[in-house]
Amino acid sequence: MAKELKCSDVGMKSCNFVAQGRDEKEVMTKAAEHARNAHGMTAIPPDVEKKARAAIREAQVKPFTVGQKV
């Protein structure tokens, strides 16, 4: 099942970005790219990485039906 990380769960309360991926590694890669581009973080401090990894959850995926408009 897919995983997700909400930026707001890591302390950026006004940010609504959600990184989703097949596993923790993919989620963290997307989250790190977002942190660089949206928040100007050139490196992820170890305490923030630890907090982010702890905040990763199973994605809240809505069921999809073939032919359904998205």
N, C-alpha and C. Protein backbone atom coordinates (compact mmCIF):
# COMPACT_ATOMS: atom_id res chain seq x y z
N MET A 1 0.84 -1.18 0.00
CA MET A 1 0.00 0.00 0.00
C MET A 1 0.89 1.25 0.00
N ALA A 2 0.39 2.31 -0.58
CA ALA A 2 1.15 3.55 -0.71
C ALA A 2 1.35 4.23 0.65
N LYS A 3 2.39 5.03 0.71
CA LYS A 3 2.72 5.79 1.92
C LYS A 3 2.60 7.28 1.60
N GLU A 4 2.43 8.10 2.65
CA GLU A 4 2.37 9.54 2.45
C GLU A 4 2.95 10.28 3.65
N LEU A 5 3.37 11.50 3.37
CA LEU A 5 3.90 12.40 4.39
C LEU A 5 3.33 13.78 4.12
N LYS A 6 2.68 14.35 5.11
CA LYS A 6 2.13 15.70 4.98
C LYS A 6 3.16 16.68 5.54
N CYS A 7 3.48 17.69 4.77
CA CYS A 7 4.46 18.69 5.20
C CYS A 7 4.01 19.33 6.51
N SER A 8 2.72 19.52 6.65
CA SER A 8 2.20 20.15 7.87
C SER A 8 2.45 19.29 9.11
N ASP A 9 2.64 17.98 8.94
CA ASP A 9 2.94 17.11 10.07
C ASP A 9 4.39 17.21 10.55
N VAL A 10 5.20 17.94 9.77
CA VAL A 10 6.61 18.09 10.12
C VAL A 10 6.90 19.51 10.59
N GLY A 11 5.84 20.28 10.83
CA GLY A 11 6.03 21.61 11.39
C GLY A 11 5.69 22.77 10.47
N MET A 12 5.48 22.51 9.20
CA MET A 12 5.14 23.58 8.25
C MET A 12 3.62 23.69 8.19
N LYS A 13 3.03 24.25 9.22
CA LYS A 13 1.58 24.24 9.38
C LYS A 13 0.82 24.88 8.22
N SER A 14 1.40 25.86 7.55
CA SER A 14 0.69 26.53 6.46
C SER A 14 0.94 25.87 5.10
N CYS A 15 1.68 24.77 5.06
CA CYS A 15 1.99 24.09 3.80
C CYS A 15 1.08 22.87 3.65
N ASN A 16 0.42 22.77 2.49
CA ASN A 16 -0.51 21.66 2.28
C ASN A 16 0.07 20.57 1.36
N PHE A 17 1.38 20.58 1.14
CA PHE A 17 2.02 19.57 0.29
C PHE A 17 1.94 18.19 0.94
N VAL A 18 1.68 17.18 0.11
CA VAL A 18 1.66 15.79 0.56
C VAL A 18 2.55 14.98 -0.39
N ALA A 19 3.59 14.37 0.16
CA ALA A 19 4.46 13.49 -0.64
C ALA A 19 3.88 12.09 -0.55
N GLN A 20 3.68 11.46 -1.71
CA GLN A 20 3.18 10.09 -1.74
C GLN A 20 4.12 9.22 -2.56
N GLY A 21 4.22 7.96 -2.16
CA GLY A 21 5.07 7.03 -2.88
C GLY A 21 4.76 5.60 -2.51
N ARG A 22 5.43 4.69 -3.21
CA ARG A 22 5.23 3.26 -2.97
C ARG A 22 5.78 2.82 -1.62
N ASP A 23 6.85 3.51 -1.17
CA ASP A 23 7.50 3.13 0.07
C ASP A 23 8.11 4.37 0.73
N GLU A 24 8.70 4.16 1.91
CA GLU A 24 9.27 5.27 2.67
C GLU A 24 10.37 6.00 1.89
N LYS A 25 11.20 5.24 1.19
CA LYS A 25 12.30 5.85 0.44
C LYS A 25 11.79 6.81 -0.62
N GLU A 26 10.77 6.40 -1.38
CA GLU A 26 10.21 7.27 -2.41
C GLU A 26 9.55 8.51 -1.81
N VAL A 27 8.86 8.33 -0.70
CA VAL A 27 8.22 9.47 -0.02
C VAL A 27 9.29 10.45 0.46
N MET A 28 10.36 9.95 1.06
CA MET A 28 11.41 10.83 1.57
C MET A 28 12.13 11.56 0.44
N THR A 29 12.32 10.91 -0.71
CA THR A 29 12.94 11.55 -1.86
C THR A 29 12.09 12.72 -2.33
N LYS A 30 10.78 12.49 -2.45
CA LYS A 30 9.88 13.56 -2.88
C LYS A 30 9.80 14.67 -1.84
N ALA A 31 9.79 14.31 -0.57
CA ALA A 31 9.73 15.31 0.49
C ALA A 31 10.99 16.17 0.52
N ALA A 32 12.15 15.56 0.30
CA ALA A 32 13.40 16.31 0.28
C ALA A 32 13.43 17.29 -0.89
N GLU A 33 12.94 16.85 -2.05
CA GLU A 33 12.88 17.74 -3.21
C GLU A 33 11.94 18.92 -2.93
N HIS A 34 10.81 18.63 -2.31
CA HIS A 34 9.86 19.69 -1.94
C HIS A 34 10.50 20.66 -0.94
N ALA A 35 11.20 20.13 0.05
CA ALA A 35 11.84 20.98 1.07
C ALA A 35 12.85 21.93 0.43
N ARG A 36 13.60 21.44 -0.57
CA ARG A 36 14.56 22.31 -1.27
C ARG A 36 13.84 23.38 -2.07
N ASN A 37 12.86 22.97 -2.87
CA ASN A 37 12.21 23.89 -3.80
C ASN A 37 11.24 24.85 -3.13
N ALA A 38 10.47 24.39 -2.17
CA ALA A 38 9.43 25.23 -1.57
C ALA A 38 9.88 25.95 -0.30
N HIS A 39 10.81 25.35 0.43
CA HIS A 39 11.20 25.91 1.72
C HIS A 39 12.66 26.34 1.79
N GLY A 40 13.39 26.21 0.67
CA GLY A 40 14.77 26.68 0.61
C GLY A 40 15.75 25.90 1.48
N MET A 41 15.42 24.67 1.82
CA MET A 41 16.31 23.86 2.65
C MET A 41 17.35 23.20 1.75
N THR A 42 18.61 23.55 1.92
CA THR A 42 19.66 22.94 1.10
C THR A 42 20.07 21.57 1.64
N ALA A 43 19.79 21.33 2.91
CA ALA A 43 20.05 20.03 3.53
C ALA A 43 18.96 19.78 4.57
N ILE A 44 18.66 18.52 4.78
CA ILE A 44 17.65 18.16 5.78
C ILE A 44 18.38 17.79 7.07
N PRO A 45 18.20 18.59 8.12
CA PRO A 45 18.86 18.28 9.39
C PRO A 45 18.38 16.93 9.93
N PRO A 46 19.26 16.21 10.62
CA PRO A 46 18.91 14.87 11.13
C PRO A 46 17.64 14.86 11.98
N ASP A 47 17.41 15.88 12.79
CA ASP A 47 16.21 15.90 13.63
C ASP A 47 14.94 16.04 12.79
N VAL A 48 15.01 16.80 11.70
CA VAL A 48 13.86 16.97 10.81
C VAL A 48 13.62 15.67 10.04
N GLU A 49 14.69 15.01 9.60
CA GLU A 49 14.54 13.73 8.90
C GLU A 49 13.89 12.70 9.81
N LYS A 50 14.31 12.65 11.05
CA LYS A 50 13.75 11.70 12.01
C LYS A 50 12.25 11.98 12.22
N LYS A 51 11.91 13.26 12.37
CA LYS A 51 10.52 13.66 12.56
C LYS A 51 9.69 13.29 11.32
N ALA A 52 10.25 13.52 10.13
CA ALA A 52 9.55 13.22 8.88
C ALA A 52 9.31 11.72 8.75
N ARG A 53 10.33 10.92 9.01
CA ARG A 53 10.17 9.47 8.90
C ARG A 53 9.10 8.96 9.86
N ALA A 54 9.05 9.54 11.05
CA ALA A 54 8.05 9.13 12.04
C ALA A 54 6.63 9.55 11.63
N ALA A 55 6.52 10.57 10.78
CA ALA A 55 5.21 11.08 10.37
C ALA A 55 4.65 10.39 9.12
N ILE A 56 5.42 9.52 8.49
CA ILE A 56 4.95 8.81 7.29
C ILE A 56 3.86 7.82 7.70
N ARG A 57 2.77 7.87 6.96
CA ARG A 57 1.61 7.01 7.24
C ARG A 57 1.17 6.29 5.96
N GLU A 58 0.27 5.34 6.14
CA GLU A 58 -0.37 4.71 4.99
C GLU A 58 -1.19 5.78 4.28
N ALA A 59 -1.10 5.83 2.97
CA ALA A 59 -1.81 6.85 2.20
C ALA A 59 -3.31 6.63 2.27
N GLN A 60 -4.03 7.74 2.33
CA GLN A 60 -5.49 7.70 2.32
C GLN A 60 -5.94 7.74 0.87
N VAL A 61 -5.91 6.59 0.22
CA VAL A 61 -6.22 6.50 -1.20
C VAL A 61 -7.70 6.18 -1.36
N LYS A 62 -8.36 6.97 -2.19
CA LYS A 62 -9.77 6.71 -2.47
C LYS A 62 -9.84 5.63 -3.55
N PRO A 63 -10.81 4.74 -3.45
CA PRO A 63 -10.96 3.70 -4.48
C PRO A 63 -11.16 4.34 -5.85
N PHE A 64 -10.58 3.74 -6.86
CA PHE A 64 -10.68 4.25 -8.23
C PHE A 64 -11.35 3.20 -9.10
N THR A 65 -12.29 3.65 -9.90
CA THR A 65 -13.00 2.76 -10.80
C THR A 65 -12.54 3.05 -12.22
N VAL A 66 -12.27 2.03 -13.00
CA VAL A 66 -11.87 2.21 -14.40
C VAL A 66 -12.95 3.01 -15.10
N GLY A 67 -12.51 4.04 -15.83
CA GLY A 67 -13.44 4.90 -16.54
C GLY A 67 -13.90 6.10 -15.73
N GLN A 68 -13.55 6.12 -14.46
CA GLN A 68 -13.92 7.23 -13.59
C GLN A 68 -13.13 8.47 -13.96
N LYS A 69 -13.81 9.62 -14.01
CA LYS A 69 -13.10 10.88 -14.26
C LYS A 69 -12.44 11.34 -12.99
N VAL A 70 -11.21 11.81 -13.14
CA VAL A 70 -10.45 12.29 -11.97
C VAL A 70 -10.32 13.78 -12.00
